[in-house]
């Protein structure tokens, strides 16, 4: 809707605005908001998308640093990110591996 990270910034802006308007601490507003299921889900999704983006970028960045890139070497070089993508974004990881293998063959 707003783009990656912008929703979190919007929530922070609203929290600050409410805290200032009612002369309460931001932590008090955060405590009330954190109990709302919609806010919890929104923040969970934001964390997921940020982590996914970070893992994908790490895989691509590592690929460019390897002298003789192979899937195994890539996997060992980005172990944490590779495992996270394998668990949470397997379709993207498999598509990446297929396109990577096509480039190695040709």
Protein backbone atom coordinates (compact mmCIF):
# COMPACT_ATOMS: atom_id res chain seq x y z
CA UNK A 1 0.00 0.00 0.00
CA UNK A 2 2.58 2.58 1.08
CA UNK A 3 5.68 0.64 0.11
CA UNK A 4 8.22 -1.22 2.15
CA UNK A 5 8.98 0.51 5.43
CA UNK A 6 6.69 3.46 4.85
CA UNK A 7 3.84 1.84 6.76
CA UNK A 8 6.07 1.49 9.80
CA UNK A 9 7.02 5.17 9.47
CA UNK A 10 3.34 6.05 9.27
CA UNK A 11 2.60 4.10 12.45
CA UNK A 12 5.43 5.90 14.24
CA UNK A 13 4.08 9.23 13.04
CA UNK A 14 0.59 8.40 14.31
CA UNK A 15 1.99 7.22 17.66
CA UNK A 16 3.93 10.46 18.05
CA UNK A 17 0.93 12.54 17.05
CA UNK A 18 -1.38 10.79 19.53
CA UNK A 19 1.20 11.04 22.31
CA UNK A 20 1.63 14.76 21.73
CA UNK A 21 -2.10 15.43 21.38
CA UNK A 22 -3.04 13.72 24.66
CA UNK A 23 0.19 14.57 26.51
CA UNK A 24 1.16 10.94 27.16
CA UNK A 25 4.33 8.97 26.53
CA UNK A 26 4.88 7.27 23.18
CA UNK A 27 5.46 4.01 25.06
CA UNK A 28 1.95 4.18 26.51
CA UNK A 29 0.45 4.62 23.04
CA UNK A 30 2.66 1.79 21.72
CA UNK A 31 1.45 -0.49 24.50
CA UNK A 32 -2.18 0.10 23.57
CA UNK A 33 -1.49 -0.33 19.85
CA UNK A 34 0.57 -3.48 20.33
CA UNK A 35 -2.50 -5.19 21.76
CA UNK A 36 -4.44 -4.64 18.55
CA UNK A 37 -4.35 -7.67 16.23
CA UNK A 38 -4.30 -5.54 13.07
CA UNK A 39 -1.20 -3.64 14.20
CA UNK A 40 0.52 -6.87 15.27
CA UNK A 41 -0.12 -8.44 11.87
CA UNK A 42 0.99 -5.31 10.02
CA UNK A 43 4.27 -5.16 11.94
CA UNK A 44 4.84 -8.89 11.44
CA UNK A 45 4.42 -8.48 7.70
CA UNK A 46 6.76 -5.49 7.63
CA UNK A 47 9.45 -7.51 9.42
CA UNK A 48 8.91 -10.42 7.02
CA UNK A 49 9.23 -8.26 3.88
CA UNK A 50 12.31 -6.49 5.22
CA UNK A 51 13.97 -9.78 6.11
CA UNK A 52 13.09 -11.26 2.72
CA UNK A 53 14.50 -8.25 0.89
CA UNK A 54 17.70 -8.38 2.95
CA UNK A 55 18.17 -12.10 2.30
CA UNK A 56 17.60 -11.73 -1.45
CA UNK A 57 20.05 -8.84 -1.67
CA UNK A 58 22.68 -10.76 0.32
CA UNK A 59 22.37 -13.71 -2.07
CA UNK A 60 22.81 -11.51 -5.14
CA UNK A 61 25.65 -9.49 -3.61
CA UNK A 62 27.51 -12.66 -2.66
CA UNK A 63 27.02 -14.07 -6.14
CA UNK A 64 28.94 -11.14 -7.60
CA UNK A 65 31.85 -11.60 -5.15
CA UNK A 66 32.49 -15.27 -5.91
CA UNK A 67 35.21 -16.03 -8.46
CA UNK A 68 33.74 -19.36 -9.55
CA UNK A 69 30.11 -19.26 -8.45
CA UNK A 70 28.29 -22.49 -7.75
CA UNK A 71 25.05 -23.10 -5.88
CA UNK A 72 26.91 -24.96 -3.13
CA UNK A 73 29.45 -22.20 -2.65
CA UNK A 74 26.70 -19.61 -2.68
CA UNK A 75 24.80 -21.59 -0.07
CA UNK A 76 27.82 -21.84 2.23
CA UNK A 77 28.72 -18.17 1.76
CA UNK A 78 25.25 -16.91 2.67
CA UNK A 79 24.22 -19.69 5.01
CA UNK A 80 21.84 -17.70 7.23
CA UNK A 81 20.11 -15.92 4.37
CA UNK A 82 19.95 -19.04 2.21
CA UNK A 83 18.31 -21.04 5.01
CA UNK A 84 15.84 -18.23 5.71
CA UNK A 85 14.84 -18.08 2.05
CA UNK A 86 14.61 -21.87 1.93
CA UNK A 87 12.18 -21.86 4.87
CA UNK A 88 10.13 -18.76 4.03
CA UNK A 89 10.51 -17.98 0.31
CA UNK A 90 11.30 -21.27 -1.40
CA UNK A 91 9.64 -20.35 -4.70
CA UNK A 92 11.84 -17.29 -5.15
CA UNK A 93 14.95 -19.23 -4.11
CA UNK A 94 14.21 -22.00 -6.60
CA UNK A 95 13.54 -19.49 -9.38
CA UNK A 96 16.81 -17.76 -8.54
CA UNK A 97 18.69 -21.06 -8.65
CA UNK A 98 17.11 -22.03 -11.98
CA UNK A 99 18.01 -18.72 -13.61
CA UNK A 100 21.49 -18.94 -12.09
CA UNK A 101 22.02 -22.45 -13.47
CA UNK A 102 20.85 -21.35 -16.93
CA UNK A 103 23.49 -18.61 -16.93
CA UNK A 104 26.18 -21.14 -15.97
CA UNK A 105 25.21 -23.51 -18.77
CA UNK A 106 25.19 -20.88 -21.53
